[in-house]
């Protein structure tokens, strides 16, 4: 990594920033990626809010719908959140009768999350709208561009996860 030089400006103006072209490309990538993620997150939140759900609640319902009952720890791992976050979301969904928690009979330490019939019905109602919305939001890219972007983002994520930060 090249040396970055920070030069202080006068007290009235911003600091003069100097860095390499490679560093500038990386900074622009992260800024663009962050803005895109924020925009997509807002669009998804608005869509699931129509069904009186938060994004984390919808993500839990969707995961349980597609993967079946899961231990809470595995659910947290798949959703890249902490166990505490999953517990909080599960509490809210359980109070609405959309999910249930059951202890495994063979290992009482493991708590399984599962959809109730009402939860399954809600996901079946919401998911087609969600798929349509994601397709609509992705319309700015061709099918090939979407595949390429997915592959590049996966490559970036896998590369980062394999590094010591």
N, C-alpha and C. Protein backbone atom coordinates (compact mmCIF):
# COMPACT_ATOMS: atom_id res chain seq x y z
N UNK A 1 0.85 -1.17 0.00
CA UNK A 1 0.00 0.00 0.00
C UNK A 1 0.90 1.23 0.00
N UNK A 2 0.60 2.20 -0.87
CA UNK A 2 1.40 3.42 -0.97
C UNK A 2 1.19 4.33 0.23
N UNK A 3 2.16 5.19 0.43
CA UNK A 3 2.09 6.14 1.53
C UNK A 3 1.07 7.22 1.19
N UNK A 4 0.21 7.55 2.15
CA UNK A 4 -0.78 8.61 1.98
C UNK A 4 -0.28 9.85 2.70
N UNK A 5 -0.39 10.97 2.04
CA UNK A 5 0.08 12.22 2.61
C UNK A 5 -1.11 13.12 2.89
N UNK A 6 -1.21 13.61 4.09
CA UNK A 6 -2.27 14.53 4.47
C UNK A 6 -1.64 15.89 4.73
N UNK A 7 -2.08 16.88 4.02
CA UNK A 7 -1.55 18.23 4.18
C UNK A 7 -2.66 19.11 4.72
N UNK A 8 -2.39 19.76 5.83
CA UNK A 8 -3.39 20.64 6.43
C UNK A 8 -3.54 21.91 5.60
N UNK A 9 -4.75 22.36 5.44
CA UNK A 9 -5.03 23.59 4.72
C UNK A 9 -5.22 24.72 5.74
N UNK A 10 -5.48 25.88 5.21
CA UNK A 10 -5.80 26.99 6.08
C UNK A 10 -7.01 26.63 6.92
N UNK A 11 -7.18 27.32 8.03
CA UNK A 11 -8.27 26.97 8.95
C UNK A 11 -9.65 27.14 8.33
N UNK A 12 -9.77 27.94 7.27
CA UNK A 12 -11.08 28.17 6.67
C UNK A 12 -11.46 27.15 5.61
N UNK A 13 -10.53 26.38 5.12
CA UNK A 13 -10.83 25.47 4.01
C UNK A 13 -10.56 24.03 4.37
N UNK A 14 -10.96 23.14 3.48
CA UNK A 14 -10.71 21.72 3.73
C UNK A 14 -9.23 21.39 3.58
N UNK A 15 -8.83 20.29 4.16
CA UNK A 15 -7.45 19.83 4.02
C UNK A 15 -7.21 19.41 2.58
N UNK A 16 -6.02 19.68 2.11
CA UNK A 16 -5.63 19.22 0.79
C UNK A 16 -5.28 17.75 0.93
N UNK A 17 -5.92 16.92 0.13
CA UNK A 17 -5.69 15.48 0.22
C UNK A 17 -4.91 15.02 -0.99
N UNK A 18 -3.91 14.24 -0.72
CA UNK A 18 -3.13 13.67 -1.81
C UNK A 18 -2.99 12.18 -1.57
N UNK A 19 -3.34 11.40 -2.57
CA UNK A 19 -3.16 9.97 -2.49
C UNK A 19 -3.02 9.42 -3.89
N UNK A 20 -2.67 8.18 -3.96
CA UNK A 20 -2.39 7.57 -5.26
C UNK A 20 -3.67 7.32 -6.05
N UNK A 21 -3.49 7.11 -7.33
CA UNK A 21 -4.63 6.78 -8.21
C UNK A 21 -5.29 5.48 -7.74
N UNK A 22 -4.49 4.51 -7.35
CA UNK A 22 -5.02 3.22 -6.87
C UNK A 22 -5.86 3.43 -5.62
N UNK A 23 -5.40 4.28 -4.71
CA UNK A 23 -6.16 4.57 -3.49
C UNK A 23 -7.45 5.32 -3.83
N UNK A 24 -7.38 6.22 -4.81
CA UNK A 24 -8.57 6.96 -5.22
C UNK A 24 -9.63 6.03 -5.80
N UNK A 25 -9.19 5.06 -6.59
CA UNK A 25 -10.12 4.08 -7.17
C UNK A 25 -10.80 3.29 -6.05
N UNK A 26 -10.02 2.86 -5.05
CA UNK A 26 -10.58 2.09 -3.93
C UNK A 26 -11.57 2.93 -3.13
N UNK A 27 -11.22 4.19 -2.86
CA UNK A 27 -12.13 5.08 -2.12
C UNK A 27 -13.45 5.28 -2.87
N UNK A 28 -13.35 5.48 -4.17
CA UNK A 28 -14.56 5.68 -4.98
C UNK A 28 -15.41 4.41 -5.02
N UNK A 29 -14.76 3.26 -5.09
CA UNK A 29 -15.50 2.00 -5.06
C UNK A 29 -16.32 1.90 -3.78
N UNK A 30 -15.68 2.14 -2.63
CA UNK A 30 -16.38 2.00 -1.35
C UNK A 30 -17.48 3.04 -1.19
N UNK A 31 -17.25 4.26 -1.67
CA UNK A 31 -18.30 5.28 -1.59
C UNK A 31 -19.49 4.88 -2.46
N UNK A 32 -19.21 4.41 -3.67
CA UNK A 32 -20.28 4.00 -4.58
C UNK A 32 -21.03 2.79 -4.04
N UNK A 33 -20.29 1.82 -3.53
CA UNK A 33 -20.91 0.62 -2.97
C UNK A 33 -21.79 0.98 -1.78
N UNK A 34 -21.32 1.86 -0.92
CA UNK A 34 -22.09 2.28 0.25
C UNK A 34 -23.37 3.00 -0.14
N UNK A 35 -23.27 3.90 -1.10
CA UNK A 35 -24.46 4.63 -1.54
C UNK A 35 -25.48 3.68 -2.18
N UNK A 36 -24.99 2.77 -3.00
CA UNK A 36 -25.88 1.81 -3.66
C UNK A 36 -26.58 0.94 -2.62
N UNK A 37 -25.81 0.44 -1.64
CA UNK A 37 -26.40 -0.39 -0.59
C UNK A 37 -27.47 0.39 0.18
N UNK A 38 -27.19 1.64 0.53
CA UNK A 38 -28.16 2.44 1.27
C UNK A 38 -29.44 2.65 0.46
N UNK A 39 -29.28 2.90 -0.83
CA UNK A 39 -30.44 3.09 -1.70
C UNK A 39 -31.26 1.81 -1.80
N UNK A 40 -30.59 0.68 -2.00
CA UNK A 40 -31.30 -0.60 -2.08
C UNK A 40 -31.98 -0.94 -0.76
N UNK A 41 -31.32 -0.68 0.34
CA UNK A 41 -31.90 -0.97 1.66
C UNK A 41 -33.16 -0.16 1.91
N UNK A 42 -33.13 1.12 1.53
CA UNK A 42 -34.32 1.96 1.70
C UNK A 42 -35.48 1.44 0.85
N UNK A 43 -35.17 1.03 -0.38
CA UNK A 43 -36.22 0.51 -1.27
C UNK A 43 -36.82 -0.77 -0.70
N UNK A 44 -35.98 -1.66 -0.18
CA UNK A 44 -36.48 -2.90 0.39
C UNK A 44 -37.29 -2.63 1.65
N UNK A 45 -36.81 -1.73 2.49
CA UNK A 45 -37.53 -1.40 3.74
C UNK A 45 -38.92 -0.84 3.43
N UNK A 46 -39.00 0.02 2.43
CA UNK A 46 -40.30 0.59 2.05
C UNK A 46 -41.24 -0.49 1.55
N UNK A 47 -40.71 -1.45 0.81
CA UNK A 47 -41.56 -2.51 0.26
C UNK A 47 -42.10 -3.42 1.36
N UNK A 48 -41.24 -3.87 2.27
CA UNK A 48 -41.72 -4.80 3.30
C UNK A 48 -42.55 -4.09 4.36
N UNK A 49 -42.35 -2.77 4.49
CA UNK A 49 -43.15 -2.00 5.44
C UNK A 49 -44.63 -2.03 5.05
N UNK A 50 -44.90 -2.19 3.78
CA UNK A 50 -46.29 -2.31 3.32
C UNK A 50 -46.99 -3.49 3.98
N UNK A 51 -46.23 -4.46 4.46
CA UNK A 51 -46.77 -5.65 5.11
C UNK A 51 -46.55 -5.59 6.63
N UNK A 52 -46.27 -4.39 7.13
CA UNK A 52 -46.04 -4.16 8.56
C UNK A 52 -44.87 -5.00 9.07
N UNK A 53 -43.80 -5.07 8.27
CA UNK A 53 -42.59 -5.79 8.64
C UNK A 53 -41.40 -4.85 8.55
N UNK A 54 -40.39 -5.11 9.37
CA UNK A 54 -39.10 -4.44 9.21
C UNK A 54 -38.26 -5.32 8.28
N UNK A 55 -37.19 -4.76 7.75
CA UNK A 55 -36.31 -5.54 6.89
C UNK A 55 -35.75 -6.76 7.63
N UNK A 56 -35.23 -6.62 8.86
CA UNK A 56 -34.73 -7.82 9.55
C UNK A 56 -35.82 -8.87 9.77
N UNK A 57 -37.05 -8.45 10.05
CA UNK A 57 -38.14 -9.41 10.22
C UNK A 57 -38.40 -10.16 8.92
N UNK A 58 -38.45 -9.43 7.82
CA UNK A 58 -38.68 -10.07 6.53
C UNK A 58 -37.56 -11.04 6.20
N UNK A 59 -36.32 -10.65 6.46
CA UNK A 59 -35.17 -11.50 6.15
C UNK A 59 -35.24 -12.81 6.94
N UNK A 60 -35.64 -12.73 8.20
CA UNK A 60 -35.79 -13.94 9.01
C UNK A 60 -36.90 -14.82 8.45
N UNK A 61 -38.04 -14.22 8.15
CA UNK A 61 -39.15 -15.00 7.57
C UNK A 61 -38.74 -15.65 6.25
N UNK A 62 -38.06 -14.89 5.41
CA UNK A 62 -37.63 -15.42 4.12
C UNK A 62 -36.64 -16.58 4.29
N UNK A 63 -35.69 -16.43 5.21
CA UNK A 63 -34.71 -17.50 5.44
C UNK A 63 -35.40 -18.77 5.92
N UNK A 64 -36.31 -18.63 6.86
CA UNK A 64 -37.01 -19.81 7.39
C UNK A 64 -37.90 -20.44 6.32
N UNK A 65 -38.47 -19.61 5.46
CA UNK A 65 -39.31 -20.12 4.38
C UNK A 65 -38.49 -20.95 3.39
N UNK A 66 -37.31 -20.46 3.03
CA UNK A 66 -36.50 -21.13 2.02
C UNK A 66 -35.63 -22.25 2.59
N UNK A 67 -35.24 -22.16 3.85
CA UNK A 67 -34.32 -23.14 4.42
C UNK A 67 -34.97 -24.08 5.41
N UNK A 68 -36.18 -23.77 5.84
CA UNK A 68 -36.84 -24.58 6.86
C UNK A 68 -36.37 -24.19 8.25
N UNK A 69 -36.82 -24.93 9.27
CA UNK A 69 -36.42 -24.61 10.64
C UNK A 69 -34.90 -24.61 10.81
N UNK A 70 -34.42 -23.62 11.56
CA UNK A 70 -32.98 -23.46 11.77
C UNK A 70 -32.69 -23.17 13.23
N UNK A 71 -31.56 -23.68 13.74
CA UNK A 71 -31.13 -23.26 15.07
C UNK A 71 -30.87 -21.74 15.05
N UNK A 72 -31.17 -21.07 16.15
CA UNK A 72 -31.02 -19.62 16.19
C UNK A 72 -29.59 -19.18 15.86
N UNK A 73 -28.60 -19.91 16.33
CA UNK A 73 -27.21 -19.56 16.04
C UNK A 73 -26.90 -19.64 14.55
N UNK A 74 -27.41 -20.67 13.90
CA UNK A 74 -27.20 -20.83 12.46
C UNK A 74 -27.94 -19.74 11.69
N UNK A 75 -29.13 -19.39 12.16
CA UNK A 75 -29.90 -18.32 11.53
C UNK A 75 -29.12 -17.00 11.61
N UNK A 76 -28.57 -16.71 12.78
CA UNK A 76 -27.77 -15.49 12.96
C UNK A 76 -26.57 -15.50 12.02
N UNK A 77 -25.91 -16.63 11.91
CA UNK A 77 -24.74 -16.75 11.04
C UNK A 77 -25.10 -16.53 9.58
N UNK A 78 -26.20 -17.11 9.14
CA UNK A 78 -26.62 -16.96 7.74
C UNK A 78 -27.01 -15.52 7.43
N UNK A 79 -27.56 -14.82 8.42
CA UNK A 79 -28.02 -13.46 8.20
C UNK A 79 -26.96 -12.42 8.55
N UNK A 80 -25.79 -12.90 8.99
CA UNK A 80 -24.66 -12.03 9.34
C UNK A 80 -25.03 -11.02 10.42
N UNK A 81 -25.74 -11.50 11.44
CA UNK A 81 -26.09 -10.66 12.59
C UNK A 81 -25.72 -11.40 13.87
N UNK A 82 -25.82 -10.70 14.99
CA UNK A 82 -25.51 -11.32 16.27
C UNK A 82 -26.70 -12.14 16.76
N UNK A 83 -26.42 -13.04 17.69
CA UNK A 83 -27.49 -13.82 18.30
C UNK A 83 -28.51 -12.94 18.98
N UNK A 84 -28.04 -11.85 19.60
CA UNK A 84 -28.95 -10.92 20.26
C UNK A 84 -29.92 -10.27 19.29
N UNK A 85 -29.43 -9.93 18.10
CA UNK A 85 -30.30 -9.34 17.08
C UNK A 85 -31.37 -10.34 16.65
N UNK A 86 -30.96 -11.59 16.44
CA UNK A 86 -31.93 -12.61 16.03
C UNK A 86 -32.98 -12.81 17.13
N UNK A 87 -32.54 -12.84 18.37
CA UNK A 87 -33.47 -13.00 19.49
C UNK A 87 -34.49 -11.87 19.50
N UNK A 88 -34.03 -10.64 19.33
CA UNK A 88 -34.92 -9.48 19.33
C UNK A 88 -35.96 -9.58 18.21
N UNK A 89 -35.49 -9.90 17.00
CA UNK A 89 -36.40 -10.02 15.85
C UNK A 89 -37.36 -11.18 16.07
N UNK A 90 -36.84 -12.30 16.56
CA UNK A 90 -37.71 -13.46 16.83
C UNK A 90 -38.77 -13.13 17.87
N UNK A 91 -38.42 -12.37 18.90
CA UNK A 91 -39.40 -11.96 19.91
C UNK A 91 -40.56 -11.22 19.26
N UNK A 92 -40.23 -10.28 18.37
CA UNK A 92 -41.28 -9.48 17.70
C UNK A 92 -42.14 -10.36 16.78
N UNK A 93 -41.49 -11.22 16.02
CA UNK A 93 -42.23 -12.10 15.11
C UNK A 93 -43.08 -13.11 15.88
N UNK A 94 -42.54 -13.62 16.98
CA UNK A 94 -43.28 -14.59 17.79
C UNK A 94 -44.51 -13.94 18.43
N UNK A 95 -44.38 -12.69 18.85
CA UNK A 95 -45.53 -11.99 19.46
C UNK A 95 -46.65 -11.78 18.44
N UNK A 96 -46.30 -11.78 17.16
CA UNK A 96 -47.31 -11.65 16.09
C UNK A 96 -47.81 -13.00 15.61
N UNK A 97 -47.27 -14.08 16.16
CA UNK A 97 -47.71 -15.42 15.78
C UNK A 97 -47.14 -15.90 14.45
N UNK A 98 -46.03 -15.29 14.00
CA UNK A 98 -45.47 -15.63 12.70
C UNK A 98 -44.38 -16.69 12.77
N UNK A 99 -43.73 -16.81 13.92
CA UNK A 99 -42.67 -17.80 14.12
C UNK A 99 -42.86 -18.44 15.49
N UNK A 100 -42.19 -19.56 15.66
CA UNK A 100 -42.17 -20.24 16.97
C UNK A 100 -40.75 -20.73 17.20
N UNK A 101 -40.43 -20.91 18.47
CA UNK A 101 -39.13 -21.46 18.86
C UNK A 101 -39.37 -22.76 19.59
N UNK A 102 -38.62 -23.77 19.21
CA UNK A 102 -38.73 -25.09 19.83
C UNK A 102 -37.34 -25.58 20.21
N UNK A 103 -37.24 -26.22 21.36
CA UNK A 103 -35.96 -26.85 21.74
C UNK A 103 -35.87 -28.19 21.02
N UNK A 104 -34.68 -28.49 20.53
CA UNK A 104 -34.49 -29.80 19.91
C UNK A 104 -34.58 -30.87 20.99
N UNK A 105 -35.19 -31.97 20.66
CA UNK A 105 -35.35 -33.04 21.64
C UNK A 105 -34.05 -33.76 21.92
N UNK A 106 -33.17 -33.84 20.91
CA UNK A 106 -31.91 -34.56 21.10
C UNK A 106 -30.82 -33.70 21.76
N UNK A 107 -31.00 -32.38 21.76
CA UNK A 107 -30.04 -31.48 22.39
C UNK A 107 -30.81 -30.25 22.85
N UNK A 108 -31.20 -30.22 24.09
CA UNK A 108 -32.06 -29.17 24.63
C UNK A 108 -31.40 -27.79 24.62
N UNK A 109 -30.09 -27.74 24.40
CA UNK A 109 -29.40 -26.44 24.32
C UNK A 109 -29.72 -25.72 23.02
N UNK A 110 -30.13 -26.47 22.00
CA UNK A 110 -30.36 -25.89 20.68
C UNK A 110 -31.82 -25.49 20.54
N UNK A 111 -32.03 -24.22 20.18
CA UNK A 111 -33.38 -23.70 19.96
C UNK A 111 -33.57 -23.50 18.46
N UNK A 112 -34.61 -24.14 17.94
CA UNK A 112 -34.94 -24.05 16.51
C UNK A 112 -35.97 -22.96 16.27
N UNK A 113 -35.76 -22.18 15.24
CA UNK A 113 -36.75 -21.20 14.79
C UNK A 113 -37.50 -21.82 13.63
N UNK A 114 -38.81 -21.63 13.62
CA UNK A 114 -39.61 -22.15 12.51
C UNK A 114 -40.78 -21.22 12.25
N UNK A 115 -41.28 -21.27 11.03
CA UNK A 115 -42.46 -20.49 10.67
C UNK A 115 -43.71 -21.17 11.21
N UNK A 116 -44.68 -20.38 11.63
CA UNK A 116 -46.00 -20.91 11.93
C UNK A 116 -46.80 -20.91 10.63
N UNK A 117 -47.99 -21.45 10.66
CA UNK A 117 -48.83 -21.44 9.46
C UNK A 117 -49.12 -20.00 9.04
N UNK A 118 -49.34 -19.12 10.02
CA UNK A 118 -49.60 -17.72 9.70
C UNK A 118 -48.36 -17.06 9.07
N UNK A 119 -47.19 -17.39 9.61
CA UNK A 119 -45.94 -16.85 9.05
C UNK A 119 -45.70 -17.34 7.65
N UNK A 120 -45.95 -18.62 7.42
CA UNK A 120 -45.79 -19.19 6.08
C UNK A 120 -46.74 -18.51 5.10
N UNK A 121 -47.96 -18.27 5.53
CA UNK A 121 -48.92 -17.59 4.67
C UNK A 121 -48.49 -16.17 4.32
N UNK A 122 -47.94 -15.47 5.32
CA UNK A 122 -47.49 -14.10 5.06
C UNK A 122 -46.31 -14.09 4.08
N UNK A 123 -45.35 -14.98 4.26
CA UNK A 123 -44.21 -15.03 3.34
C UNK A 123 -44.68 -15.36 1.93
N UNK A 124 -45.60 -16.29 1.81
CA UNK A 124 -46.12 -16.65 0.47
C UNK A 124 -46.82 -15.46 -0.19
N UNK A 125 -47.37 -14.59 0.62
CA UNK A 125 -48.03 -13.38 0.10
C UNK A 125 -47.00 -12.30 -0.25
N UNK A 126 -46.00 -12.10 0.60
CA UNK A 126 -45.02 -11.02 0.44
C UNK A 126 -43.95 -11.36 -0.60
N UNK A 127 -43.50 -12.61 -0.63
CA UNK A 127 -42.34 -12.94 -1.43
C UNK A 127 -42.51 -12.67 -2.92
N UNK A 128 -43.64 -12.99 -3.54
CA UNK A 128 -43.78 -12.66 -4.97
C UNK A 128 -43.64 -11.15 -5.23
N UNK A 129 -44.18 -10.31 -4.35
CA UNK A 129 -44.01 -8.87 -4.50
C UNK A 129 -42.54 -8.49 -4.35
N UNK A 130 -41.86 -9.14 -3.41
CA UNK A 130 -40.45 -8.87 -3.17
C UNK A 130 -39.61 -9.21 -4.40
N UNK A 131 -39.86 -10.37 -4.98
CA UNK A 131 -39.12 -10.78 -6.17
C UNK A 131 -39.35 -9.77 -7.30
N UNK A 132 -40.60 -9.39 -7.49
CA UNK A 132 -40.92 -8.41 -8.53
C UNK A 132 -40.24 -7.08 -8.29
N UNK A 133 -40.19 -6.66 -7.04
CA UNK A 133 -39.54 -5.39 -6.70
C UNK A 133 -38.03 -5.46 -6.96
N UNK A 134 -37.42 -6.57 -6.57
CA UNK A 134 -35.97 -6.71 -6.79
C UNK A 134 -35.66 -6.73 -8.30
N UNK A 135 -36.51 -7.40 -9.06
CA UNK A 135 -36.33 -7.42 -10.52
C UNK A 135 -36.48 -6.01 -11.09
N UNK A 136 -37.48 -5.29 -10.62
CA UNK A 136 -37.72 -3.92 -11.09
C UNK A 136 -36.52 -3.02 -10.76
N UNK A 137 -36.02 -3.12 -9.55
CA UNK A 137 -34.89 -2.28 -9.14
C UNK A 137 -33.63 -2.63 -9.92
N UNK A 138 -33.52 -3.86 -10.38
CA UNK A 138 -32.33 -4.32 -11.10
C UNK A 138 -32.40 -4.04 -12.60
N UNK A 139 -33.48 -3.48 -13.05
CA UNK A 139 -33.71 -3.30 -14.49
C UNK A 139 -32.69 -2.39 -15.17
N UNK A 140 -31.95 -1.65 -14.39
CA UNK A 140 -30.95 -0.73 -14.96
C UNK A 140 -29.72 -1.46 -15.48
N UNK A 141 -29.61 -2.73 -15.13
CA UNK A 141 -28.50 -3.57 -15.59
C UNK A 141 -29.06 -4.70 -16.44
N UNK A 142 -28.33 -5.09 -17.47
CA UNK A 142 -28.74 -6.24 -18.26
C UNK A 142 -28.59 -7.50 -17.40
N UNK A 143 -29.17 -8.60 -17.87
CA UNK A 143 -29.02 -9.86 -17.15
C UNK A 143 -27.54 -10.22 -16.98
N UNK A 144 -26.77 -10.03 -18.05
CA UNK A 144 -25.33 -10.34 -17.99
C UNK A 144 -24.62 -9.43 -16.99
N UNK A 145 -24.96 -8.15 -16.99
CA UNK A 145 -24.33 -7.23 -16.04
C UNK A 145 -24.68 -7.61 -14.59
N UNK A 146 -25.91 -8.06 -14.39
CA UNK A 146 -26.30 -8.50 -13.04
C UNK A 146 -25.49 -9.71 -12.61
N UNK A 147 -25.30 -10.66 -13.51
CA UNK A 147 -24.49 -11.84 -13.20
C UNK A 147 -23.04 -11.43 -12.90
N UNK A 148 -22.50 -10.55 -13.73
CA UNK A 148 -21.11 -10.10 -13.54
C UNK A 148 -20.95 -9.36 -12.22
N UNK A 149 -21.88 -8.46 -11.92
CA UNK A 149 -21.80 -7.71 -10.67
C UNK A 149 -21.91 -8.64 -9.47
N UNK A 150 -22.80 -9.61 -9.54
CA UNK A 150 -22.92 -10.59 -8.45
C UNK A 150 -21.61 -11.33 -8.25
N UNK A 151 -20.99 -11.75 -9.35
CA UNK A 151 -19.73 -12.48 -9.26
C UNK A 151 -18.62 -11.59 -8.68
N UNK A 152 -18.57 -10.35 -9.12
CA UNK A 152 -17.54 -9.43 -8.61
C UNK A 152 -17.73 -9.14 -7.12
N UNK A 153 -18.98 -8.90 -6.71
CA UNK A 153 -19.24 -8.62 -5.30
C UNK A 153 -18.94 -9.84 -4.44
N UNK A 154 -19.25 -11.02 -4.95
CA UNK A 154 -18.92 -12.25 -4.22
C UNK A 154 -17.41 -12.38 -4.09
N UNK A 155 -16.69 -12.11 -5.17
CA UNK A 155 -15.23 -12.19 -5.14
C UNK A 155 -14.66 -11.20 -4.12
N UNK A 156 -15.19 -9.99 -4.10
CA UNK A 156 -14.73 -8.99 -3.15
C UNK A 156 -15.01 -9.43 -1.72
N UNK A 157 -16.23 -9.88 -1.46
CA UNK A 157 -16.60 -10.33 -0.12
C UNK A 157 -15.78 -11.51 0.35
N UNK A 158 -15.58 -12.48 -0.54
CA UNK A 158 -14.78 -13.66 -0.17
C UNK A 158 -13.33 -13.25 0.08
N UNK A 159 -12.81 -12.35 -0.71
CA UNK A 159 -11.44 -11.88 -0.51
C UNK A 159 -11.28 -11.16 0.81
N UNK A 160 -12.24 -10.32 1.14
CA UNK A 160 -12.17 -9.57 2.41
C UNK A 160 -12.31 -10.53 3.59
N UNK A 161 -13.21 -11.48 3.51
CA UNK A 161 -13.45 -12.38 4.63
C UNK A 161 -12.25 -13.29 4.89
N UNK A 162 -11.41 -13.47 3.88
CA UNK A 162 -10.22 -14.30 4.05
C UNK A 162 -9.02 -13.53 4.55
N UNK A 163 -9.18 -12.23 4.76
CA UNK A 163 -8.06 -11.40 5.20
C UNK A 163 -8.10 -11.17 6.70
N UNK A 164 -6.93 -10.92 7.24
CA UNK A 164 -6.86 -10.44 8.63
C UNK A 164 -7.00 -8.94 8.57
N UNK A 165 -8.03 -8.41 9.20
CA UNK A 165 -8.24 -6.96 9.17
C UNK A 165 -7.56 -6.27 10.31
